[in-house]
Amino acid sequence: MNEIDKQMLASEFCGMKFDTPLVLLSGCVGFGEEYTRVKGFSNRDVGAVCLKGTTLKPRLGNPPHRLAETPMGMLNSIGLQNPGTGYVVNNILPALDFSETRFIANVSGSTIEEYQEVTRLFDDSPIDAIEINISCPNVKEGGVVFGNDPAMSARVVEVCRAVTKKPLITKLSPNQTDIAGNARLCIEAGTDGFAVINTLMGMAIDIENRVPVIGANQGGLSGPAIKPIALLKVHQVYQVCKHHDIPIIGQGGILTAEDAIEFIIAGASAVGIGTALFYDPLVCPKINQGIVDYLKRHELTEVSQLVGTLALNS
């Protein structure tokens, strides 16, 4: 890709410079090193990498099975398995190459106080931004309990805002009745951006044994099956964000450049790639090139000119 094409992809998100609008999603790339083992893969092909969800203390996660393929998607119930914030800050972050891309921590907790403490610890680290995961459907405590209650969502944002000056990105749950209303309260509480959406709750059943396939009975559904829902949620949240200059990472079933462009038109300033990596670990350069080709075809010079340009039918 030549320099002009690279300039077309360059984006800004919460004050951070992204080389491309693509963001690798939390839980899909470990702590930023997993896919670097794949020949041809490079973190330089994306604007940012969201690290695996991290809690204050280590977690073993949920019992197996943790993954199940579904038509046009995947169920996962990892349960936030991670080595704890101290280990991530002291052992993992120093090994990352921050010259390649931006790295975003994903903060999770079972109490408001835990969210605040994990955020405080990441604030004293080289991480570029912090994503507040108030929408994980795969843990019994915390998770969507915070994300589906707008007042609780705003409270988590508020306490995290108090202990960091790094950009805060709030990951919103689709499993709620008024996602735009939740977004409005989170903006008032101090969020700098949003990730829209997290997975939807789902189930798969082993009909021979008449039990759920997933060990924790249910999991988060991702992949192309949820794309229409995700697009609508991005559009709804954008109606609030556009009045406050709050950017959105649109995510949910993006496999192609055409998918990514739909999310940008709906209001996303960046787009998240997750389940697609399980289909094709080298999908990001293809999506980047497809976005460039579209911009040229429509005589646009940068991605920001496309953001939120959806014209609704009368």
Foldseek 3Di string as FASTA:
>chain_A
DDPLLQQQQWFAALNDIFSHLEEADAPFQAQPCNLVVPPPDALLLTAEYEHHEAWAAADQFFDDPAWDDDVQWIFGQRGRGDHHLVCCQPPVQVPDDVVRHAYEYEYFYLDLVRLLVSLLSCQPHPHQAYEYQQAFPRHPGGHVVQQQDLVSVLSSLLSSVVRHPHAYEYEHELPYDQRQVSLLSNVVSPHQAYEFHWFDKDWDADVVVGATNGRVGIGGIAAQVCLVVQLVSLLSNQVNCVVVVRAYAGEGHDQALVSQLSSQLSAHSHYYDGPNCVVPVNRSVRNSVSVSVVCVVVVHSHSNVRGNNDDDDD
